[in-house]
Amino acid sequence: MVNRFCLSISVLFALIIAPKCYSQYICNDANQYGWFVPIKFARPFVAEMESPLSRVEEGFGRAKEEYTHTDRWGTKMAPYLNVTVGTFIPIWSMELKKGWSIGIDIPIAFHLWLDLETISAPVLNTDYRFAVGQIKALKVFDYRNKYLKNLSIRFAPYNHESTHIGDELTVSRRDAGFPITRVNVSYEYSELAVCLNDPNGTRRDNMALKFGVMARNNFAKSWFKIYANEGDTIYNRNMTNIFEFYINYEWQRSTGFATRNNMINVLSAEFRNRARYHYPTIDKDKHTGEIYLFDSPHTRANCYNVYWGWKFLPKDRHYLNSVGFYLHGYYGIVPYGQFRNTAGYGYFGFSIVIDNF
């Protein structure tokens, strides 16, 4: 009952808050470019982890004393709920000569991670991300070309991410005597992504491949900081892993079995190599109740993220908003906030993804 109630409220919240596609935002030739017109190219794939696509997800993931609430200690898997409310604020776009288009928009996203335990479903982590502005470009070659239809580029020179664990989890970590109750994960970064065969808002069959890199803006600073009143500052270690790399693959199928004009089958996958945060992972002995630490290595970690399902679009082909229903699987380090020092996190669940152009 608690799980269904939380999911229902979260879906309603996402649908109300996520920006709507108003009638003037159609994608015909007359309204495709200009001031405050949504940009349809260089958009995130479904499986892109650091994206502002609105989504509601419920499923089961690995439970661990670091982030699972106290009444779940000793369990191997726990139910979690993830809600992301995000959008792009379009600024300007223009069509150039020789198949080029350019544009500028601002992505914004808020994320919430909940542990659906039986007492109070505490917030485990919240975060927000935004860019001061990102520049997009598209070069169209020939859509009749089977292998290379276009090339898109997205460059965001200044982004910010800040994450916070929930108060209830912070209190439980303090009461349990954890040596680190909170880690301040707040940083600025730049991002560059290049995509071959960008879907570009079309409903046709398409296979796209994207390569991306993120870099910490200030190389002298780490991704995180521990304050003296929240943990042992000896763990404020320098990190030389200031880059993050990813590869995305997305296949959309618009013809054949279980597809129609407004129903597209989508397989989206991401491989991401990112820094594993360099401070101890906390654990608790199941027999004695003793708290102990595993020192996290100063290393990199591979993360795998996969979505498979169907995306539904309006029957009027001029409109671009979509709602997708997917199965979602993930394996790697915990992708949320201060828990990115913890490896071996697996998750499987159901996801509703809302893409607002």
Foldseek 3Di string as FASTA:
>chain_A
DLVVVVLVVLVVVQVVQADAQDPLQFCDPVRPWFAFHDFLWPADDPFDPPHQWWKKWKWKKADALQQADDVCPPPGIFIKIKTKHKAKGFGGKDDDPQQKIKGKIKIKMKMWMWTSDDPDGFTFKIKIKMAPMKMKMKHADPPVDPFFGIKMKIKGAKMKMWMWTTPVQLVRCVVLPPQASTKTQIFIKIKMKMKTFTVRLDQAWTKMKMKMKIFTPDQAADRIAGDPVGHDRVQRDRANFGMKIKMKIKTWHADDPPHHLFKIWMKIKMKMKGWQRFAWDWHADPPPRDIDTDGQDRDIKIKMKIWTWMKGDDNPSRDRKIKTKTKIKMAFFPPGDPRSNRHGMIIITIMITIHHD
